[in-house]
Structure formats: C-alpha cells, structure tokens
Protein backbone atom coordinates (compact mmCIF):
# COMPACT_ATOMS: atom_id res chain seq x y z
CA MET A 1 69.27 -50.77 136.28
CA ASP A 2 70.75 -47.48 136.31
CA ARG A 3 71.46 -46.05 132.68
CA ARG A 4 73.31 -42.82 133.49
CA PRO A 5 76.52 -42.50 131.42
CA SER A 6 78.68 -42.35 134.59
CA VAL A 7 77.15 -45.89 135.74
CA ALA A 8 77.70 -47.29 132.06
CA VAL A 9 81.26 -46.28 132.09
CA ALA A 10 81.92 -47.56 135.68
CA GLY A 11 80.13 -50.86 134.71
CA ALA A 12 82.25 -51.16 131.54
CA LEU A 13 85.44 -50.54 133.45
CA CYS A 14 84.38 -53.44 136.09
CA TYR A 15 83.81 -55.80 133.05
CA LEU A 16 87.08 -54.72 131.66
CA VAL A 17 89.04 -55.57 134.68
CA ALA A 18 87.14 -59.02 134.91
CA CYS A 19 87.74 -60.08 131.32
CA VAL A 20 91.47 -59.00 131.32
CA PHE A 21 92.27 -61.08 134.30
CA TRP A 22 90.11 -64.03 133.23
CA GLY A 23 92.10 -63.75 129.92
CA LEU A 24 95.22 -63.87 132.12
CA ASN A 25 93.79 -67.01 133.73
CA ILE A 26 93.87 -69.02 130.36
CA PRO A 27 97.70 -69.36 130.00
CA LEU A 28 97.97 -69.46 133.62
CA LEU A 29 95.58 -72.55 134.01
CA ALA A 30 97.37 -74.13 131.12
CA ALA A 31 100.73 -73.73 133.15
CA LEU A 32 98.99 -74.99 136.47
CA LEU A 33 97.43 -78.09 135.04
CA LYS A 34 100.76 -79.58 134.66
CA ASP A 35 101.16 -79.56 138.58
CA PHE A 36 97.58 -80.08 139.68
CA ASP A 37 94.55 -82.00 138.27
CA PRO A 38 91.51 -80.02 137.53
CA PHE A 39 89.57 -81.30 140.35
CA TRP A 40 92.11 -80.62 142.86
CA LEU A 41 93.20 -77.03 141.62
CA SER A 42 89.53 -75.36 141.96
CA PRO A 43 88.99 -76.12 145.65
CA ILE A 44 92.70 -74.91 146.34
CA ARG A 45 92.35 -71.84 143.99
CA TYR A 46 88.93 -70.90 146.02
CA LEU A 47 90.54 -71.40 149.22
CA ILE A 48 93.21 -68.86 148.66
CA ALA A 49 90.80 -66.51 147.00
CA SER A 50 88.37 -66.70 149.83
CA ALA A 51 91.15 -65.95 152.45
CA LEU A 52 91.94 -62.96 150.34
CA LEU A 53 88.55 -61.75 150.04
CA GLY A 54 87.86 -62.39 153.80
CA ALA A 55 90.94 -60.28 154.48
CA TRP A 56 89.60 -57.60 152.23
CA VAL A 57 86.43 -57.50 153.85
CA LEU A 58 87.87 -57.57 157.25
CA ALA A 59 90.14 -54.47 156.27
CA THR A 60 87.51 -52.16 154.45
CA LEU A 61 84.12 -53.25 155.81
CA GLY A 62 84.88 -54.62 159.32
CA PRO A 63 84.55 -58.04 160.89
CA ALA A 64 80.78 -57.99 161.35
CA GLN A 65 80.45 -57.95 157.54
CA LEU A 66 81.97 -61.41 157.43
CA ARG A 67 78.83 -62.88 158.67
CA SER A 68 76.10 -63.69 156.04
CA PRO A 69 73.14 -61.15 155.93
CA ILE A 70 70.93 -63.85 154.23
CA PRO A 71 70.10 -67.36 155.42
CA ILE A 72 72.89 -69.87 155.04
CA GLY A 73 70.87 -71.99 152.65
CA ARG A 74 70.54 -69.00 150.06
CA VAL A 75 74.47 -68.91 150.29
CA ALA A 76 74.77 -72.53 149.71
CA LEU A 77 72.72 -72.36 146.59
CA LEU A 78 74.50 -69.48 145.15
CA SER A 79 77.81 -71.47 145.93
CA ALA A 80 76.67 -74.65 144.68
CA LEU A 81 76.04 -72.66 141.33
CA VAL A 82 79.64 -71.36 141.26
CA ALA A 83 80.90 -74.91 142.02
CA ALA A 84 78.74 -76.29 139.30
CA PHE A 85 80.16 -73.63 136.85
CA LEU A 86 83.60 -74.68 137.49
CA VAL A 87 82.96 -78.54 137.48
CA LEU A 88 80.94 -78.46 134.06
CA PHE A 89 83.43 -76.04 132.58
CA ASN A 90 86.40 -77.89 133.18
CA LEU A 91 84.93 -81.27 132.14
CA GLY A 92 83.31 -79.76 129.14
CA LEU A 93 86.69 -78.53 128.02
CA TYR A 94 88.30 -81.72 128.69
CA LEU A 95 85.57 -83.70 126.71
CA THR A 96 85.47 -81.16 123.79
CA HIS A 97 87.63 -80.39 120.77
CA PRO A 98 89.15 -77.04 121.58
CA ILE A 99 88.05 -75.60 118.21
CA THR A 100 84.41 -76.94 119.04
CA ALA A 101 84.57 -75.60 122.53
CA ALA A 102 85.65 -71.98 121.47
CA ALA A 103 82.73 -72.03 118.88
CA VAL A 104 80.13 -73.43 121.68
CA LEU A 105 81.44 -70.59 124.18
CA ALA A 106 81.30 -67.83 121.40
CA GLY A 107 77.54 -68.34 121.69
CA SER A 108 77.47 -67.43 125.12
CA PRO A 109 75.50 -64.08 124.62
CA VAL A 110 72.47 -66.21 123.20
CA TYR A 111 72.68 -68.61 126.04
CA VAL A 112 72.84 -65.69 128.55
CA ALA A 113 69.85 -63.96 126.81
CA VAL A 114 67.77 -66.92 126.89
CA VAL A 115 68.38 -67.58 130.71
CA SER A 116 68.10 -63.67 131.62
CA ARG A 117 64.68 -63.54 129.82
CA LEU A 118 63.57 -66.60 131.52
CA MET A 119 64.55 -65.24 135.07
CA THR A 120 63.86 -61.79 134.68
CA GLY A 121 61.43 -60.96 131.90
CA ALA A 122 63.40 -57.86 131.22
CA ARG A 123 64.02 -56.40 127.75
CA LEU A 124 67.49 -56.97 126.16
CA SER A 125 70.13 -54.04 126.49
CA GLU A 126 70.14 -51.55 123.46
CA GLY A 127 72.06 -52.96 120.55
CA PHE A 128 72.27 -56.31 122.02
CA TRP A 129 71.68 -58.44 118.76
CA GLY A 130 73.73 -56.21 116.54
CA ALA A 131 76.64 -56.59 118.96
CA THR A 132 75.99 -60.25 119.25
CA LEU A 133 76.16 -60.67 115.39
CA MET A 134 79.37 -58.91 115.52
CA THR A 135 80.95 -61.12 118.46
CA LEU A 136 79.89 -64.10 116.63
CA ALA A 137 81.53 -63.14 113.54
CA GLY A 138 84.66 -62.08 115.13
CA ALA A 139 84.75 -65.50 117.06
CA ALA A 140 84.00 -67.45 113.84
CA ILE A 141 86.89 -65.35 112.20
CA ALA A 142 89.39 -66.42 114.96
CA ILE A 143 88.22 -70.07 115.29
CA ALA A 144 88.56 -70.63 111.36
CA GLY A 145 92.11 -69.57 111.28
CA ARG A 146 92.97 -71.23 114.37
CA SER A 147 91.50 -74.71 113.17
CA GLY A 148 93.93 -74.80 110.30
CA GLY A 149 91.45 -76.33 108.06
CA GLY A 150 88.74 -73.87 108.56
CA LEU A 151 85.44 -74.54 110.32
CA ALA A 152 85.75 -78.07 109.11
CA GLY A 153 87.63 -78.64 112.44
CA LEU A 154 84.50 -78.41 114.29
CA ARG A 155 83.30 -81.85 115.48
CA LEU A 156 81.26 -83.12 118.49
CA GLN A 157 82.44 -85.21 121.35
CA GLY A 158 79.82 -84.96 123.84
CA GLY A 159 81.14 -82.27 126.22
CA GLU A 160 79.43 -79.42 124.39
CA PRO A 161 76.12 -79.69 126.77
CA LEU A 162 78.25 -79.18 129.57
CA LEU A 163 79.78 -75.87 128.44
CA VAL A 164 76.37 -74.59 127.95
CA GLY A 165 75.43 -75.58 131.14
CA SER A 166 78.28 -73.84 132.66
CA VAL A 167 77.44 -70.75 131.04
CA GLY A 168 74.02 -70.97 132.29
CA CYS A 169 75.22 -71.88 135.91
CA TRP A 170 77.16 -68.69 135.86
CA THR A 171 74.52 -66.88 134.50
CA VAL A 172 71.91 -67.80 137.11
CA TYR A 173 74.61 -67.08 139.94
CA SER A 174 75.14 -63.71 138.34
CA ILE A 175 71.46 -62.71 138.45
CA LEU A 176 70.72 -64.54 141.86
CA ALA A 177 73.90 -62.80 143.50
CA GLN A 178 72.08 -59.33 142.90
CA ARG A 179 68.65 -60.51 143.98
CA ALA A 180 69.46 -62.75 147.04
CA PHE A 181 71.26 -59.90 149.05
CA PRO A 182 69.70 -56.71 150.33
CA ALA A 183 70.54 -53.72 148.00
CA ASP A 184 72.96 -52.14 150.41
CA VAL A 185 75.17 -55.29 150.56
CA PRO A 186 78.55 -54.60 148.83
CA GLN A 187 79.43 -56.93 146.02
CA LEU A 188 82.81 -57.47 147.80
CA ARG A 189 80.71 -59.12 150.71
CA ARG A 190 78.64 -61.11 148.31
CA THR A 191 81.58 -62.42 146.48
CA PHE A 192 83.44 -63.47 149.77
CA LEU A 193 80.42 -65.24 151.05
CA THR A 194 79.63 -67.17 147.80
CA ALA A 195 83.32 -68.07 147.10
CA LEU A 196 83.68 -69.35 150.52
CA GLY A 197 80.70 -71.37 150.41
CA ALA A 198 81.77 -72.87 147.11
CA ILE A 199 84.78 -74.45 148.61
CA PRO A 200 82.69 -77.61 150.42
CA TRP A 201 81.19 -78.25 147.00
CA LEU A 202 84.41 -78.52 145.04
CA LEU A 203 85.87 -80.67 147.81
CA ALA A 204 83.00 -82.93 147.68
CA VAL A 205 83.41 -83.32 143.78
CA TRP A 206 87.26 -83.79 144.24
CA ALA A 207 86.36 -86.33 146.92
CA ILE A 208 84.12 -88.31 144.61
CA ALA A 209 86.72 -88.05 141.76
CA ARG A 210 89.32 -89.48 143.90
CA ALA A 211 87.25 -92.05 145.40
CA THR A 212 86.33 -93.39 141.93
CA ASP A 213 89.92 -93.24 140.69
CA ARG A 214 89.31 -90.43 138.28
CA VAL A 215 92.25 -88.53 139.67
CA GLY A 216 95.28 -89.51 141.51
CA PRO A 217 96.53 -88.16 144.97
CA PRO A 218 96.71 -84.51 145.30
CA ASN A 219 99.92 -82.90 144.62
CA LEU A 220 100.79 -81.14 147.89
CA SER A 221 104.40 -80.04 146.99
CA PRO A 222 104.38 -78.31 143.72
CA SER A 223 107.07 -76.10 142.30
CA ALA A 224 107.74 -72.73 143.65
CA SER A 225 106.60 -71.53 140.26
CA ALA A 226 103.45 -73.14 140.53
CA TRP A 227 102.96 -71.66 143.78
CA GLY A 228 103.42 -68.21 142.42
CA GLN A 229 101.00 -68.82 139.39
CA LEU A 230 98.47 -70.26 141.80
CA ALA A 231 98.73 -67.16 143.87
CA ILE A 232 98.08 -64.84 140.98
CA SER A 233 95.36 -66.87 139.65
CA ALA A 234 93.48 -67.06 142.98
CA ALA A 235 94.16 -63.24 143.90
CA PHE A 236 93.42 -61.69 140.35
CA CYS A 237 91.75 -64.08 138.19
CA THR A 238 89.29 -65.43 140.84
CA ALA A 239 89.01 -62.97 143.76
CA LEU A 240 89.41 -59.64 142.08
CA ALA A 241 87.81 -60.58 138.81
CA THR A 242 84.45 -61.96 140.45
CA VAL A 243 84.21 -58.79 142.40
CA ALA A 244 84.52 -56.70 139.38
CA TRP A 245 82.21 -58.96 137.36
CA ASN A 246 79.57 -58.78 140.00
CA SER A 247 80.01 -55.08 140.23
CA GLY A 248 79.60 -54.88 136.40
CA VAL A 249 76.25 -57.07 136.60
CA ALA A 250 75.19 -54.65 139.17
CA ARG A 251 75.67 -51.57 137.17
CA LEU A 252 74.86 -52.81 133.43
CA GLY A 253 73.18 -56.29 133.75
CA ILE A 254 73.93 -59.60 132.64
CA ALA A 255 73.35 -59.08 128.76
CA ALA A 256 76.42 -56.63 128.51
CA GLY A 257 78.55 -59.05 130.48
CA ALA A 258 77.74 -61.87 127.96
CA MET A 259 79.29 -59.55 125.35
CA TRP A 260 82.28 -58.67 127.51
CA GLN A 261 83.12 -62.55 128.05
CA ASN A 262 83.62 -62.94 124.39
CA THR A 263 86.57 -60.50 124.69
CA VAL A 264 88.36 -63.10 127.18
CA PRO A 265 90.21 -65.08 124.52
CA VAL A 266 91.22 -61.63 122.92
CA PHE A 267 92.95 -60.90 126.18
CA ALA A 268 94.29 -64.08 126.41
CA VAL A 269 95.96 -63.98 123.03
CA LEU A 270 97.32 -60.48 123.96
CA ILE A 271 98.52 -61.59 127.30
CA SER A 272 100.01 -65.04 125.84
CA LEU A 273 101.84 -62.86 123.10
CA ALA A 274 103.33 -60.45 125.95
CA PHE A 275 104.34 -62.71 128.67
CA PHE A 276 104.33 -66.22 127.46
CA GLY A 277 105.79 -65.73 123.85
CA VAL A 278 102.85 -67.04 121.82
CA VAL A 279 102.43 -65.45 118.70
CA PRO A 280 98.77 -65.03 117.34
CA THR A 281 97.70 -65.84 113.93
CA ALA A 282 96.34 -63.08 111.66
CA SER A 283 92.64 -64.36 111.97
CA GLU A 284 92.87 -64.31 115.71
CA VAL A 285 94.03 -60.60 115.48
CA ALA A 286 91.21 -59.63 112.94
CA GLY A 287 88.41 -61.92 114.95
CA GLY A 288 89.51 -60.23 118.22
CA ALA A 289 89.21 -56.69 116.66
CA VAL A 290 85.72 -57.65 115.38
CA VAL A 291 84.48 -58.87 118.88
CA LEU A 292 85.92 -55.62 120.41
CA CYS A 293 84.06 -53.69 118.05
CA GLY A 294 80.93 -55.55 118.93
CA VAL A 295 81.27 -54.79 122.81
CA ALA A 296 81.99 -50.96 121.72
CA TYR A 297 78.91 -50.90 119.82
CA MET A 298 76.87 -52.06 122.55
CA GLN A 299 78.36 -49.84 125.08
CA TRP A 300 77.92 -46.95 122.55
CA ARG A 301 74.28 -47.87 122.06
CA THR A 302 73.91 -48.21 126.20
CA MET A 303 75.11 -44.96 126.59
CA ARG A 304 73.10 -43.30 123.88
CA ALA A 305 70.10 -44.72 125.33
CA ALA A 306 70.86 -43.14 128.84
CA PRO A 307 68.60 -40.44 129.91
CA ARG A 308 69.99 -36.94 129.30
CA PRO A 309 70.12 -34.25 132.21
CA THR A 310 67.36 -31.67 132.05
CA GLY A 311 68.54 -28.97 129.85
CA ALA A 312 71.26 -31.03 128.06
CA PRO A 313 71.32 -30.38 124.37
CA GLY A 314 69.82 -33.15 122.10
C-alpha cells in the first residue's frame, strides 16, 4: 500500500465520494421499496448500473476492455460475493430491529479487521484502534438518541448474523477485487465486470423468492418518480460509488474503508435533512461529529506515518 500523502488524500477523496453516495442511497432505498420488493430491486438496479459502467468503459478505455482479463470463474466468484452482500444485507435489515441493526453495523471496523487479518496478515493502519473506539462511541451516541429509550431499545431478532455476514462478504470482495486482477487493470473495469456478473446471481435469488411465494410479481410499471430515483441510485450510489470505493481500497486499504463506512449514516442524515425534510436529533448530530472525528484522526495518523521526501523537515 502506497503511503505517500498525495495517495492518502486521493484515497480519502475516493472513500468520501463512495460514502456520500451510499448515504444518499439510504433515503432513496426507503422510497424505492414502496414500488419494488428488495429481491427485484437489486437486479434491476445492477442491470442499469452495469449498462452505465459498460458505456463508461467503452468511452474511456475502449471496446477491448469490456472483456475480462481473468478467467470467468474468478469473475463469477467476485460477483457472487457482491450478490451475497446485497442479499444478506437486505434480509438482515428486514429481520432485525432498526436500532439493533445500526448497533451491529457500527461494529464494521472490527469485523473488517478480523477478515482482513485472516486474509492478508497485514498490520492494521496507523491509528486504527483509536479511530475504531471513536467511531463506535459516536455510533452509540446516535443510536441511544434514536432509540428513544436509550440503548434499552436494542434487542436480538435473528437477522444480526446476516448483517455481520454481509460486511464479511463485502470485505472479502473488496480485498479479492484488488488481488484477482493484474495490477494495471483500472478499477472502473474491475467494477464493471463484477457488477455485470452479479446480475445472474441476483436474478437467481429473486427467482427462488418468487417460486416460493416470498415475493409477488415484479413491478414492471412503476411511477415516473420511482424510475428517476432508481436511475439516480444505479448511476451514483451503485456505479460511481463502487468505482470510488474500489479506488479507495487500492490506495488506502480496507481498514481505512471500514472507518469511512461509519460515516454513511452521517451523510444519510445530512442528505435527508437537506432534500427530504427529515430533521436529525441532537444525539445524531453529536454522534455523527464523533464518527467524523474518528475518521479524521485515522487519516491524520496515516498521513503522519507516510515517508517524508529526502531533505524534508522533520
């Protein structure tokens, strides 16, 4: 991992873009689920995102880059991890109390650290544990206020392991997406191939849900506003955000990404306030500020640990 300050800043900007758009996706998904069931929404969103990513690859890299530089089996494995993340995350949210889900997902840095350590054996980034404590504290503050009755609102309902599993799948994908391709393959190309490959997996899961009467017929004629929201979600929250995320992983590593993931609810609250008229509570504002401080602390420690150019002042 390149530790130069310029690379650290570029990686932080990539993570910032990804997390802002994932924050936007939260209120968008809440609106879209009024028109689409979650099993049908995922393949449709990825179909649109893959078409946009393919057009982006074609326009900037050329038609030859639409083909996979690695065996299709490897792409299928990476794509299966993407699909597994989506399925486990949606089911986990469906089966878990919202307050408990927020608490479980706040532990993402820890889950990522465990998976990353097992897969790579790499040491954690500078300031990881200090930043982890800050982000967990910030999440706890926000959750306590959002639950009304404090942390007493936490209760297990069975979907919690699915949420942890979804984070695990996304972490494994994020690491393998950097390992599986030759180093000179652009992140855009990697994202396009794995997003496209996720569609058959997602359609298979939807077909099973439909065959077992878990969901009804797909909505093929949603409202115009739903189509607009779906296009925004696919273009920015899926296509662009995933390219930015993979670029951030390539520059800063997955541990830093885990910290940034905890800013997603912060951006969701800010975007909901600005565009959806949802007013955050004081505890959400305070907790979000603590989470952002944790991310800033880790970024500062990473840049401080970067090697200085020869002759630079100490």
